[in-house]
N, C-alpha and C. Protein backbone atom coordinates (compact mmCIF):
# COMPACT_ATOMS: atom_id res chain seq x y z
N UNK A 1 -40.68 105.32 -51.87
CA UNK A 1 -39.82 105.28 -52.69
C UNK A 1 -39.18 106.72 -53.13
N UNK A 2 -40.33 107.84 -52.53
CA UNK A 2 -39.80 109.07 -53.03
C UNK A 2 -38.74 109.46 -52.14
N UNK A 3 -39.42 108.99 -50.69
CA UNK A 3 -38.16 109.67 -49.84
C UNK A 3 -36.73 108.40 -50.02
N UNK A 4 -36.78 107.28 -50.56
CA UNK A 4 -35.35 107.22 -50.86
C UNK A 4 -34.88 107.62 -52.11
N UNK A 5 -35.26 108.29 -52.88
CA UNK A 5 -35.12 109.03 -54.47
C UNK A 5 -34.56 110.27 -53.62
N UNK A 6 -34.87 110.72 -52.62
CA UNK A 6 -34.56 111.93 -51.92
C UNK A 6 -33.23 111.65 -51.38
N UNK A 7 -32.68 110.49 -50.72
CA UNK A 7 -31.60 110.08 -50.26
C UNK A 7 -30.54 110.13 -51.59
N UNK A 8 -31.21 109.62 -52.81
CA UNK A 8 -30.14 109.35 -53.90
C UNK A 8 -29.83 110.83 -54.45
N UNK A 9 -30.66 111.84 -54.28
CA UNK A 9 -30.37 113.20 -54.52
C UNK A 9 -29.25 113.58 -53.87
N UNK A 10 -29.92 113.64 -52.24
CA UNK A 10 -28.70 113.86 -51.16
C UNK A 10 -27.65 112.96 -51.50
N UNK A 11 -27.31 112.11 -51.26
CA UNK A 11 -25.92 111.51 -51.76
C UNK A 11 -24.84 112.34 -53.33
N UNK A 12 -25.51 112.13 -54.47
CA UNK A 12 -25.53 113.00 -55.28
C UNK A 12 -24.84 114.21 -55.53
N UNK A 13 -25.29 114.53 -54.28
CA UNK A 13 -24.80 116.33 -54.03
C UNK A 13 -24.27 115.99 -53.20
N UNK A 14 -23.52 115.07 -52.13
CA UNK A 14 -22.34 114.93 -51.22
C UNK A 14 -21.41 114.67 -52.06
N UNK A 15 -21.70 113.62 -53.09
CA UNK A 15 -21.02 113.33 -54.31
C UNK A 15 -20.15 114.02 -54.86
N UNK A 16 -21.06 115.32 -55.17
CA UNK A 16 -20.69 116.54 -56.21
C UNK A 16 -19.43 116.98 -55.14
N UNK A 17 -19.83 117.39 -54.24
CA UNK A 17 -19.28 118.62 -53.23
C UNK A 17 -17.89 117.76 -52.70
N UNK A 18 -18.00 116.11 -52.42
CA UNK A 18 -16.96 115.22 -52.20
C UNK A 18 -15.98 115.70 -53.06
N UNK A 19 -15.71 115.49 -54.62
CA UNK A 19 -15.43 115.67 -55.57
C UNK A 19 -14.53 116.97 -55.80
N UNK A 20 -15.27 117.90 -55.28
CA UNK A 20 -14.70 119.42 -55.27
C UNK A 20 -13.80 119.41 -54.27
N UNK A 21 -13.96 119.03 -52.88
CA UNK A 21 -13.04 119.08 -52.00
C UNK A 21 -12.00 118.05 -52.29
N UNK A 22 -12.38 117.22 -52.87
CA UNK A 22 -10.95 116.74 -53.15
C UNK A 22 -10.01 117.06 -54.54
N UNK A 23 -10.73 117.24 -55.36
CA UNK A 23 -10.03 118.25 -56.10
C UNK A 23 -9.27 119.65 -55.55
N UNK A 24 -9.89 119.97 -54.63
CA UNK A 24 -9.34 120.89 -53.78
C UNK A 24 -7.96 120.73 -53.06
N UNK A 25 -8.10 119.99 -52.41
CA UNK A 25 -7.45 119.37 -51.52
C UNK A 25 -6.13 118.85 -52.50
N UNK A 26 -6.49 117.99 -53.49
CA UNK A 26 -5.05 117.60 -54.55
C UNK A 26 -4.41 119.17 -55.10
N UNK A 27 -5.16 120.07 -55.55
CA UNK A 27 -4.56 121.29 -55.61
C UNK A 27 -3.48 121.62 -54.80
N UNK A 28 -4.09 121.65 -53.28
CA UNK A 28 -3.25 121.83 -52.16
C UNK A 28 -2.10 121.59 -51.98
N UNK A 29 -2.33 119.86 -52.20
CA UNK A 29 -1.13 119.42 -52.02
C UNK A 29 0.29 119.31 -52.87
N UNK A 30 -0.72 119.41 -54.34
CA UNK A 30 0.89 120.12 -55.55
C UNK A 30 1.83 121.49 -55.33
N UNK A 31 0.61 122.42 -54.73
CA UNK A 31 0.72 123.34 -54.56
C UNK A 31 -0.02 124.35 -53.92
N UNK A 32 0.81 124.88 -52.54
CA UNK A 32 -0.04 125.56 -51.65
C UNK A 32 -0.62 126.75 -51.95
N UNK A 33 0.14 127.23 -52.74
CA UNK A 33 -0.73 128.74 -52.94
C UNK A 33 -1.41 128.79 -54.08
N UNK A 34 -1.82 127.98 -54.29
CA UNK A 34 -3.12 127.77 -55.26
C UNK A 34 -4.20 127.52 -54.71
N UNK A 35 -4.73 127.53 -53.83
CA UNK A 35 -5.91 127.53 -53.04
C UNK A 35 -5.52 128.68 -51.91
N UNK A 36 -6.88 129.26 -51.86
CA UNK A 36 -6.76 130.51 -51.17
C UNK A 36 -8.00 129.94 -49.86
N UNK A 37 -7.68 130.49 -48.36
CA UNK A 37 -8.47 130.22 -47.36
C UNK A 37 -9.75 130.28 -47.37
N UNK A 38 -10.62 130.97 -48.08
CA UNK A 38 -11.47 131.63 -48.69
C UNK A 38 -12.43 129.94 -48.98
N UNK A 39 -11.60 129.41 -50.54
CA UNK A 39 -12.00 128.73 -51.52
C UNK A 39 -12.08 127.35 -50.35
N UNK A 40 -11.27 126.82 -49.54
CA UNK A 40 -11.15 126.01 -48.36
C UNK A 40 -12.27 125.68 -47.42
N UNK A 41 -12.84 127.59 -46.82
CA UNK A 41 -13.67 127.49 -45.94
C UNK A 41 -14.89 127.10 -46.33
N UNK A 42 -15.10 127.86 -47.73
CA UNK A 42 -16.56 127.66 -48.78
C UNK A 42 -16.56 125.66 -48.96
N UNK A 43 -15.21 125.38 -49.47
CA UNK A 43 -15.66 123.94 -49.72
C UNK A 43 -16.12 123.18 -48.35
N UNK A 44 -15.30 123.57 -47.46
CA UNK A 44 -15.89 122.88 -46.13
C UNK A 44 -17.27 122.52 -45.76
N UNK A 45 -17.73 124.22 -45.63
CA UNK A 45 -18.72 124.20 -45.31
C UNK A 45 -20.04 123.85 -46.12
N UNK A 46 -19.81 123.65 -47.49
CA UNK A 46 -20.38 122.70 -48.52
C UNK A 46 -20.77 121.57 -48.22
N UNK A 47 -19.51 121.05 -47.81
CA UNK A 47 -19.33 119.34 -47.65
C UNK A 47 -19.97 119.17 -46.42
N UNK A 48 -19.95 120.14 -45.62
CA UNK A 48 -20.47 119.71 -43.99
C UNK A 48 -21.98 119.96 -44.42
N UNK A 49 -22.39 120.93 -45.20
CA UNK A 49 -23.69 121.36 -45.23
C UNK A 49 -24.66 119.83 -46.13
N UNK A 50 -23.57 119.17 -46.64
CA UNK A 50 -24.32 117.98 -47.85
C UNK A 50 -24.16 116.75 -46.58
N UNK A 51 -23.54 116.83 -45.67
CA UNK A 51 -23.51 115.81 -44.71
C UNK A 51 -25.02 115.62 -44.09
N UNK A 52 -25.19 117.04 -43.74
CA UNK A 52 -26.24 117.48 -42.70
C UNK A 52 -28.05 117.01 -43.60
N UNK A 53 -27.99 117.57 -45.04
CA UNK A 53 -28.95 117.03 -46.06
C UNK A 53 -29.14 115.95 -46.03
N UNK A 54 -28.05 114.55 -45.98
CA UNK A 54 -27.60 113.42 -46.14
C UNK A 54 -28.72 112.47 -44.95
N UNK A 55 -28.20 112.85 -43.48
CA UNK A 55 -28.95 112.99 -42.47
C UNK A 55 -30.21 112.61 -42.21
N UNK A 56 -30.59 114.34 -42.43
CA UNK A 56 -31.86 114.60 -42.72
C UNK A 56 -32.77 113.78 -43.51
N UNK A 57 -32.28 113.26 -44.82
CA UNK A 57 -33.32 112.49 -45.89
C UNK A 57 -33.12 111.10 -44.72
N UNK A 58 -31.77 110.72 -44.84
CA UNK A 58 -32.11 109.10 -43.75
C UNK A 58 -32.92 108.83 -42.95
N UNK A 59 -33.02 109.93 -41.48
CA UNK A 59 -33.87 109.69 -40.61
C UNK A 59 -34.93 109.80 -40.96
N UNK A 60 -35.63 110.79 -42.33
CA UNK A 60 -36.97 110.77 -42.21
C UNK A 60 -37.27 109.37 -43.47
N UNK A 61 -36.39 108.86 -44.16
CA UNK A 61 -36.53 107.90 -44.84
C UNK A 61 -36.44 106.43 -43.95
N UNK A 62 -35.86 106.28 -42.87
CA UNK A 62 -36.05 105.27 -42.03
C UNK A 62 -37.09 105.53 -41.27
N UNK A 63 -37.75 106.06 -40.82
CA UNK A 63 -38.97 106.42 -40.11
C UNK A 63 -40.19 106.07 -40.86
N UNK A 64 -39.89 106.37 -42.32
CA UNK A 64 -41.73 105.59 -43.34
C UNK A 64 -40.73 104.33 -43.53
N UNK A 65 -39.71 103.82 -43.42
CA UNK A 65 -39.25 102.61 -44.27
C UNK A 65 -39.62 102.01 -43.04
N UNK A 66 -39.48 102.16 -41.81
CA UNK A 66 -39.73 101.15 -40.66
C UNK A 66 -41.47 101.10 -40.47
N UNK A 67 -41.82 101.86 -40.72
CA UNK A 67 -43.19 102.08 -40.85
C UNK A 67 -44.34 101.06 -41.76
N UNK A 68 -43.48 101.32 -42.84
CA UNK A 68 -44.20 100.78 -43.89
C UNK A 68 -43.34 99.00 -43.75
N UNK A 69 -42.31 98.76 -43.28
CA UNK A 69 -42.11 97.64 -42.78
C UNK A 69 -43.02 97.14 -42.46
N UNK A 70 -43.43 97.41 -41.15
CA UNK A 70 -44.20 97.18 -40.17
C UNK A 70 -45.59 96.75 -40.52
N UNK A 71 -45.73 97.51 -41.83
CA UNK A 71 -47.28 96.99 -42.12
C UNK A 71 -47.32 95.95 -43.01
N UNK A 72 -46.23 95.76 -43.90
CA UNK A 72 -46.29 94.90 -45.14
C UNK A 72 -46.17 93.40 -43.86
N UNK A 73 -45.58 93.56 -42.83
CA UNK A 73 -45.46 92.49 -42.19
C UNK A 73 -46.64 91.98 -41.24
N UNK A 74 -47.73 92.83 -41.03
CA UNK A 74 -48.86 92.77 -40.51
C UNK A 74 -50.08 92.07 -41.80
N UNK A 75 -50.14 92.71 -42.94
CA UNK A 75 -50.70 91.92 -44.12
C UNK A 75 -49.91 90.59 -44.47
N UNK A 76 -48.50 90.50 -44.02
CA UNK A 76 -48.15 89.23 -44.73
C UNK A 76 -48.63 88.08 -44.32
N UNK A 77 -48.60 88.16 -42.42
CA UNK A 77 -49.19 87.46 -41.52
C UNK A 77 -50.94 87.11 -41.94
N UNK A 78 -51.08 88.24 -42.70
CA UNK A 78 -52.76 87.35 -43.03
C UNK A 78 -52.93 86.66 -44.25
N UNK A 79 -52.11 86.82 -45.08
CA UNK A 79 -51.58 85.87 -46.41
C UNK A 79 -51.48 84.97 -45.79
N UNK A 80 -49.95 84.62 -45.31
CA UNK A 80 -49.68 83.65 -44.52
C UNK A 80 -48.71 83.14 -43.49
N UNK A 81 -49.84 82.91 -42.23
CA UNK A 81 -49.48 83.50 -41.22
C UNK A 81 -48.08 82.39 -40.71
N UNK A 82 -48.46 80.94 -41.51
CA UNK A 82 -47.29 80.04 -41.08
C UNK A 82 -45.68 80.32 -41.92
N UNK A 83 -45.72 81.52 -42.69
CA UNK A 83 -44.15 81.43 -42.90
C UNK A 83 -43.67 82.55 -42.05
N UNK A 84 -43.82 82.99 -40.46
CA UNK A 84 -43.60 83.91 -39.72
C UNK A 84 -42.27 83.61 -38.91
N UNK A 85 -41.18 83.57 -38.70
CA UNK A 85 -40.66 82.91 -37.50
C UNK A 85 -40.07 83.96 -36.95
N UNK A 86 -40.29 85.44 -36.82
CA UNK A 86 -40.50 86.14 -35.88
C UNK A 86 -41.63 86.91 -35.53
N UNK A 87 -41.61 87.15 -34.07
CA UNK A 87 -43.13 87.91 -33.87
C UNK A 87 -42.99 89.48 -34.44
N UNK A 88 -44.28 90.01 -34.72
CA UNK A 88 -44.33 91.09 -35.32
C UNK A 88 -43.66 92.58 -34.60
N UNK A 89 -43.62 92.36 -33.63
CA UNK A 89 -42.46 93.51 -32.81
C UNK A 89 -41.17 93.76 -33.49
N UNK A 90 -40.76 92.60 -34.23
CA UNK A 90 -39.18 92.66 -34.42
C UNK A 90 -39.49 93.30 -36.11
N UNK A 91 -39.96 93.63 -36.67
CA UNK A 91 -40.16 93.93 -37.87
C UNK A 91 -39.93 95.63 -37.65
N UNK A 92 -40.11 96.21 -36.20
CA UNK A 92 -39.73 97.29 -35.72
C UNK A 92 -38.33 97.64 -35.04
N UNK A 93 -38.15 96.16 -33.94
CA UNK A 93 -36.85 96.70 -33.25
C UNK A 93 -36.34 95.62 -33.84
N UNK A 94 -36.19 95.19 -34.44
CA UNK A 94 -34.78 94.47 -35.41
C UNK A 94 -33.96 95.17 -35.82
N UNK A 95 -34.60 96.43 -36.43
CA UNK A 95 -33.75 97.52 -36.83
C UNK A 95 -32.42 98.34 -35.97
N UNK A 96 -33.07 98.15 -34.85
CA UNK A 96 -32.59 99.26 -33.71
C UNK A 96 -32.07 98.31 -32.78
N UNK A 97 -32.32 96.87 -32.28
CA UNK A 97 -31.17 96.23 -31.56
C UNK A 97 -29.75 95.37 -31.77
N UNK A 98 -28.59 96.35 -31.33
CA UNK A 98 -27.27 96.12 -32.40
C UNK A 98 -26.97 94.69 -31.85
N UNK A 99 -26.52 94.14 -33.06
CA UNK A 99 -25.95 93.01 -33.41
C UNK A 99 -27.02 92.39 -34.18
N UNK A 100 -28.28 92.34 -33.48
CA UNK A 100 -29.54 91.14 -34.01
C UNK A 100 -29.93 92.47 -35.84
N UNK A 101 -29.59 93.70 -35.54
CA UNK A 101 -30.16 94.53 -36.85
C UNK A 101 -29.01 93.95 -38.13
N UNK A 102 -28.10 93.16 -37.87
CA UNK A 102 -27.26 92.57 -38.67
C UNK A 102 -28.08 91.76 -39.43
N UNK A 103 -29.15 90.82 -39.15
CA UNK A 103 -29.59 89.67 -39.94
C UNK A 103 -31.12 89.82 -39.14
N UNK A 104 -31.34 90.40 -38.61
CA UNK A 104 -33.01 90.17 -37.93
C UNK A 104 -34.24 90.86 -39.11
N UNK A 105 -33.72 91.82 -39.49
CA UNK A 105 -34.81 92.46 -40.65
C UNK A 105 -34.84 91.98 -42.08
N UNK A 106 -33.77 91.16 -42.26
CA UNK A 106 -33.31 90.88 -43.78
C UNK A 106 -34.49 89.28 -43.47
N UNK A 107 -34.47 88.34 -42.32
CA UNK A 107 -35.33 87.59 -42.15
C UNK A 107 -36.97 87.51 -42.09
N UNK A 108 -36.87 88.95 -41.79
CA UNK A 108 -38.40 89.26 -41.74
C UNK A 108 -38.70 89.31 -43.06
N UNK A 109 -37.68 90.03 -43.83
CA UNK A 109 -38.22 90.23 -44.88
C UNK A 109 -38.24 89.35 -45.91
N UNK A 110 -37.17 88.22 -45.08
CA UNK A 110 -37.85 86.82 -46.36
C UNK A 110 -39.43 86.60 -45.94
N UNK A 111 -39.46 86.35 -44.94
CA UNK A 111 -40.86 86.00 -44.33
C UNK A 111 -41.24 86.65 -45.38
N UNK A 112 -41.69 87.89 -44.86
CA UNK A 112 -43.01 88.65 -45.54
C UNK A 112 -43.05 88.87 -47.25
N UNK A 113 -41.51 88.48 -48.07
CA UNK A 113 -41.74 88.03 -49.59
C UNK A 113 -42.57 86.99 -49.42
N UNK A 114 -42.33 85.80 -48.83
CA UNK A 114 -42.59 84.77 -49.51
C UNK A 114 -43.95 84.39 -49.05
N UNK A 115 -44.59 85.14 -48.16
CA UNK A 115 -46.22 85.09 -47.86
C UNK A 115 -46.56 86.06 -48.64
N UNK A 116 -46.14 86.91 -49.66
CA UNK A 116 -46.42 87.71 -50.00
C UNK A 116 -46.79 87.44 -51.56
N UNK A 117 -45.79 86.43 -52.04
CA UNK A 117 -45.23 86.30 -53.58
C UNK A 117 -46.32 85.09 -54.00
N UNK A 118 -46.56 85.11 -55.11
CA UNK A 118 -47.06 83.70 -55.78
C UNK A 118 -45.98 82.57 -55.89
N UNK A 119 -46.69 81.57 -55.25
CA UNK A 119 -46.00 79.82 -55.36
C UNK A 119 -44.57 79.85 -56.34
N UNK A 120 -44.88 80.19 -57.87
CA UNK A 120 -44.12 80.59 -58.80
C UNK A 120 -42.91 81.49 -58.67
N UNK A 121 -42.97 82.66 -58.22
CA UNK A 121 -42.36 83.53 -58.09
C UNK A 121 -41.73 84.00 -57.29
N UNK A 122 -40.87 83.28 -56.34
CA UNK A 122 -40.20 83.91 -54.99
C UNK A 122 -38.86 84.37 -55.50
N UNK A 123 -38.50 84.61 -56.19
CA UNK A 123 -37.20 85.27 -55.91
C UNK A 123 -36.82 86.16 -55.66
N UNK A 124 -36.03 85.77 -54.63
CA UNK A 124 -35.59 87.09 -53.81
C UNK A 124 -34.42 88.14 -53.98
N UNK A 125 -33.80 87.63 -55.62
CA UNK A 125 -32.46 88.40 -56.05
C UNK A 125 -32.31 90.01 -55.41
N UNK A 126 -34.09 91.09 -55.81
CA UNK A 126 -33.95 92.31 -55.43
C UNK A 126 -33.78 92.33 -53.78
N UNK A 127 -34.75 91.62 -53.05
CA UNK A 127 -34.06 91.72 -51.85
C UNK A 127 -32.74 91.56 -50.86
N UNK A 128 -32.50 90.57 -52.10
CA UNK A 128 -31.16 89.94 -51.53
C UNK A 128 -29.77 91.25 -51.75
N UNK A 129 -29.78 91.27 -52.38
CA UNK A 129 -28.91 92.90 -53.63
C UNK A 129 -29.32 93.80 -52.62
N UNK A 130 -30.92 94.37 -52.14
CA UNK A 130 -30.38 95.34 -51.40
C UNK A 130 -30.01 95.29 -50.08
N UNK A 131 -29.91 94.10 -49.62
CA UNK A 131 -30.01 93.92 -47.78
C UNK A 131 -28.24 94.15 -48.37
N UNK A 132 -27.48 93.11 -49.64
CA UNK A 132 -26.00 92.92 -49.02
C UNK A 132 -25.13 94.43 -49.53
N UNK A 133 -26.17 95.28 -50.08
CA UNK A 133 -25.46 96.75 -50.51
C UNK A 133 -25.70 97.36 -48.88
N UNK A 134 -26.74 97.57 -48.40
CA UNK A 134 -26.79 98.30 -47.25
C UNK A 134 -26.05 97.90 -45.86
N UNK A 135 -25.92 96.27 -45.77
CA UNK A 135 -24.90 96.18 -44.92
C UNK A 135 -23.44 95.92 -45.14
N UNK A 136 -23.18 96.03 -46.48
CA UNK A 136 -21.66 96.38 -46.62
C UNK A 136 -21.30 97.92 -46.47
N UNK A 137 -22.73 98.92 -46.90
CA UNK A 137 -22.06 100.34 -46.21
C UNK A 137 -22.46 100.75 -45.08
N UNK A 138 -23.04 99.86 -44.82
CA UNK A 138 -23.27 100.66 -43.10
C UNK A 138 -21.78 100.27 -42.79
N UNK A 139 -21.22 99.32 -42.79
CA UNK A 139 -19.57 98.90 -41.99
C UNK A 139 -18.85 99.82 -42.82
N UNK A 140 -18.95 100.20 -44.42
CA UNK A 140 -17.90 100.56 -44.83
C UNK A 140 -17.81 101.85 -44.64
N UNK A 141 -19.39 102.40 -45.02
CA UNK A 141 -19.69 103.49 -44.29
C UNK A 141 -19.24 104.67 -43.04
N UNK A 142 -19.38 103.50 -41.67
CA UNK A 142 -19.29 103.34 -40.55
C UNK A 142 -17.24 103.64 -40.11
N UNK A 143 -16.79 103.40 -41.08
CA UNK A 143 -14.76 103.06 -41.15
C UNK A 143 -14.76 104.35 -41.67
N UNK A 144 -15.71 104.15 -42.65
CA UNK A 144 -14.93 105.95 -43.78
C UNK A 144 -15.34 107.40 -43.01
N UNK A 145 -16.26 106.93 -42.03
CA UNK A 145 -16.55 108.10 -41.11
C UNK A 145 -15.44 108.13 -40.14
N UNK A 146 -15.24 107.49 -39.36
CA UNK A 146 -14.24 107.25 -38.44
C UNK A 146 -12.64 107.83 -39.03
N UNK A 147 -12.33 107.61 -40.10
CA UNK A 147 -11.55 107.52 -40.83
C UNK A 147 -11.23 109.34 -41.50
N UNK A 148 -12.59 109.84 -41.36
CA UNK A 148 -12.90 111.41 -41.68
C UNK A 148 -12.14 112.00 -40.58
N UNK A 149 -13.02 111.94 -39.34
CA UNK A 149 -13.44 112.28 -38.12
C UNK A 149 -11.80 112.24 -37.91
N UNK A 150 -10.97 111.57 -37.96
CA UNK A 150 -9.52 111.08 -37.42
C UNK A 150 -8.68 111.93 -38.11
N UNK A 151 -8.85 112.02 -39.27
CA UNK A 151 -7.89 112.74 -40.47
C UNK A 151 -7.56 114.41 -40.43
N UNK A 152 -6.45 114.70 -40.20
CA UNK A 152 -6.12 115.70 -39.49
C UNK A 152 -4.47 116.60 -40.64
N UNK A 153 -4.16 115.93 -41.61
CA UNK A 153 -3.29 116.68 -42.78
C UNK A 153 -4.29 116.52 -43.67
N UNK A 154 -3.99 117.57 -44.84
CA UNK A 154 -4.45 117.60 -46.13
C UNK A 154 -4.80 116.03 -46.88
N UNK A 155 -3.50 115.24 -46.65
CA UNK A 155 -3.42 114.25 -47.58
C UNK A 155 -4.55 113.21 -46.79
N UNK A 156 -4.24 113.29 -45.51
CA UNK A 156 -4.90 112.41 -44.79
C UNK A 156 -6.84 112.70 -45.18
N UNK A 157 -7.14 113.57 -45.26
CA UNK A 157 -8.31 114.34 -45.25
C UNK A 157 -8.82 113.93 -47.11
N UNK A 158 -8.19 113.84 -47.68
CA UNK A 158 -8.28 113.42 -49.57
C UNK A 158 -8.71 112.11 -49.06
N UNK A 159 -7.38 111.61 -48.81
CA UNK A 159 -8.24 109.80 -48.61
C UNK A 159 -9.09 109.83 -47.81
N UNK A 160 -9.43 110.42 -46.61
CA UNK A 160 -10.75 110.19 -45.68
C UNK A 160 -12.06 110.39 -46.91
N UNK A 161 -12.23 111.54 -47.40
CA UNK A 161 -13.04 112.05 -48.78
C UNK A 161 -13.23 111.27 -49.82
N UNK A 162 -12.49 110.36 -50.19
CA UNK A 162 -12.44 109.23 -51.34
C UNK A 162 -13.41 108.10 -50.75
N UNK A 163 -12.85 107.89 -49.39
CA UNK A 163 -13.56 106.66 -48.91
C UNK A 163 -15.16 107.15 -48.53
N UNK A 164 -15.51 108.21 -48.34
CA UNK A 164 -16.88 109.00 -47.91
C UNK A 164 -17.61 108.84 -49.54
N UNK A 165 -16.87 109.16 -50.71
CA UNK A 165 -17.26 109.28 -51.71
C UNK A 165 -17.83 107.64 -52.38
N UNK A 166 -16.90 106.72 -52.08
CA UNK A 166 -17.09 105.34 -52.14
C UNK A 166 -18.56 105.13 -51.55
N UNK A 167 -18.52 105.07 -50.05
CA UNK A 167 -19.59 105.16 -49.34
C UNK A 167 -20.64 106.00 -49.94
N UNK A 168 -20.58 106.46 -50.89
CA UNK A 168 -21.83 107.82 -51.10
C UNK A 168 -22.75 106.65 -52.74
N UNK A 169 -21.79 106.14 -52.68
CA UNK A 169 -21.78 105.62 -54.57
C UNK A 169 -22.84 104.40 -53.73
N UNK A 170 -21.77 103.67 -52.89
CA UNK A 170 -22.92 102.22 -52.48
C UNK A 170 -24.11 102.74 -51.82
N UNK A 171 -24.28 103.31 -51.03
CA UNK A 171 -25.73 104.14 -50.42
C UNK A 171 -26.96 104.24 -51.56
N UNK A 172 -26.38 104.85 -52.98
CA UNK A 172 -27.15 105.43 -54.01
C UNK A 172 -27.27 103.95 -54.85
N UNK A 173 -26.14 103.22 -54.83
CA UNK A 173 -26.88 101.68 -55.24
C UNK A 173 -27.71 101.17 -54.31
N UNK A 174 -27.57 101.11 -52.90
CA UNK A 174 -28.10 100.13 -52.13
C UNK A 174 -30.28 101.07 -51.85
N UNK A 175 -30.25 102.52 -52.20
CA UNK A 175 -31.44 103.25 -52.11
C UNK A 175 -32.23 102.72 -53.26
N UNK A 176 -30.97 102.42 -54.33
CA UNK A 176 -32.09 102.17 -55.71
C UNK A 176 -32.54 100.65 -55.90
N UNK A 177 -31.73 99.74 -54.84
CA UNK A 177 -32.38 98.49 -54.77
C UNK A 177 -33.57 98.77 -54.06
N UNK A 178 -33.56 99.34 -52.88
CA UNK A 178 -34.61 99.39 -51.52
C UNK A 178 -35.75 99.79 -52.54
N UNK A 179 -35.36 100.83 -53.51
CA UNK A 179 -36.58 101.38 -54.37
C UNK A 179 -37.25 100.40 -54.83
N UNK A 180 -36.62 99.43 -55.53
CA UNK A 180 -37.11 98.38 -56.27
C UNK A 180 -37.65 97.27 -55.59
N UNK A 181 -37.13 97.23 -54.27
CA UNK A 181 -38.11 95.70 -53.25
C UNK A 181 -39.11 96.35 -52.62
N UNK A 182 -39.53 98.06 -52.42
CA UNK A 182 -40.48 98.52 -52.11
C UNK A 182 -41.42 98.40 -53.04
N UNK A 183 -41.09 99.02 -54.66
CA UNK A 183 -41.92 98.92 -55.29
C UNK A 183 -42.37 96.96 -55.57
N UNK A 184 -41.85 96.41 -55.93
CA UNK A 184 -42.50 95.12 -55.83
C UNK A 184 -42.86 94.27 -54.76
N UNK A 185 -42.65 94.64 -53.54
CA UNK A 185 -43.19 94.00 -52.75
C UNK A 185 -44.76 94.24 -52.38
N UNK A 186 -44.94 95.61 -52.23
CA UNK A 186 -46.02 96.41 -52.61
C UNK A 186 -47.07 95.75 -53.34
N UNK A 187 -46.45 96.16 -54.78
CA UNK A 187 -46.96 95.47 -56.12
C UNK A 187 -48.07 93.98 -55.44
N UNK A 188 -46.84 93.14 -55.23
CA UNK A 188 -47.29 91.66 -54.75
C UNK A 188 -48.38 92.00 -53.65
N UNK A 189 -47.83 92.44 -52.60
CA UNK A 189 -49.19 92.51 -51.78
C UNK A 189 -50.61 93.23 -52.00
N UNK A 190 -50.10 94.35 -53.01
CA UNK A 190 -51.63 94.63 -53.09
C UNK A 190 -52.59 93.94 -54.29
N UNK A 191 -51.84 93.42 -54.68
CA UNK A 191 -52.38 91.82 -56.44
C UNK A 191 -53.06 91.13 -55.47
N UNK A 192 -52.23 90.54 -54.27
CA UNK A 192 -52.53 89.30 -53.05
C UNK A 192 -54.23 89.61 -53.11
N UNK A 193 -53.92 90.68 -52.34
CA UNK A 193 -55.25 91.32 -51.72
C UNK A 193 -56.91 91.68 -52.39
N UNK A 194 -56.46 92.14 -53.66
CA UNK A 194 -57.23 92.54 -54.32
C UNK A 194 -57.81 90.50 -54.89
N UNK A 195 -56.96 89.60 -54.90
CA UNK A 195 -57.45 88.35 -55.33
C UNK A 195 -58.17 87.94 -54.17
N UNK A 196 -58.32 88.56 -52.82
CA UNK A 196 -59.29 87.70 -51.87
C UNK A 196 -58.69 86.43 -51.59
N UNK A 197 -59.21 85.67 -50.26
CA UNK A 197 -58.61 84.44 -49.39
C UNK A 197 -58.97 83.46 -50.92
N UNK A 198 -57.82 82.50 -50.76
CA UNK A 198 -57.70 81.65 -51.57
C UNK A 198 -58.72 80.31 -51.44
N UNK A 199 -59.25 80.00 -51.99
CA UNK A 199 -60.56 79.08 -52.08
C UNK A 199 -60.08 77.34 -51.99
């Protein structure tokens, strides 16, 4: 949860830097002489640094999240082995296999959630919201990054930065729901473990 919080902080930093670069490019397009080369270089360096910070926090969070996810899958199998449609290994490999990673993790998360929840409290709204936002941002973020890497003119770069900023907003929302998902699932499993086996 702490690392997901750092992802949000990194995205907010990128949003702030993106907004600065976006406004600077707007000034450049309005009046070429109103922006110095030093301002452009500084903005470009800071925006690049924000991307590096985002990548570092995302990789660290992904490693810890997948480890946690696998551990909850193992726990859930103890609680209710009949709920699981995929083998344990897919709790890890499902994130990395192309195409399958678009739905396998959600299927596994649903099985874990169902096995961990009490019979009367199986609403998966948090899980579904997190997964939908994560998936949308995965696709949208990739398209925005490709647009940014292809941009050449100031106008194209400005438009690409707007796309990247929108992706940052989606990622913040997905990370916030992921925090809630982690919290609720961990709490459900903790409470179920404390109750012990059903008699």
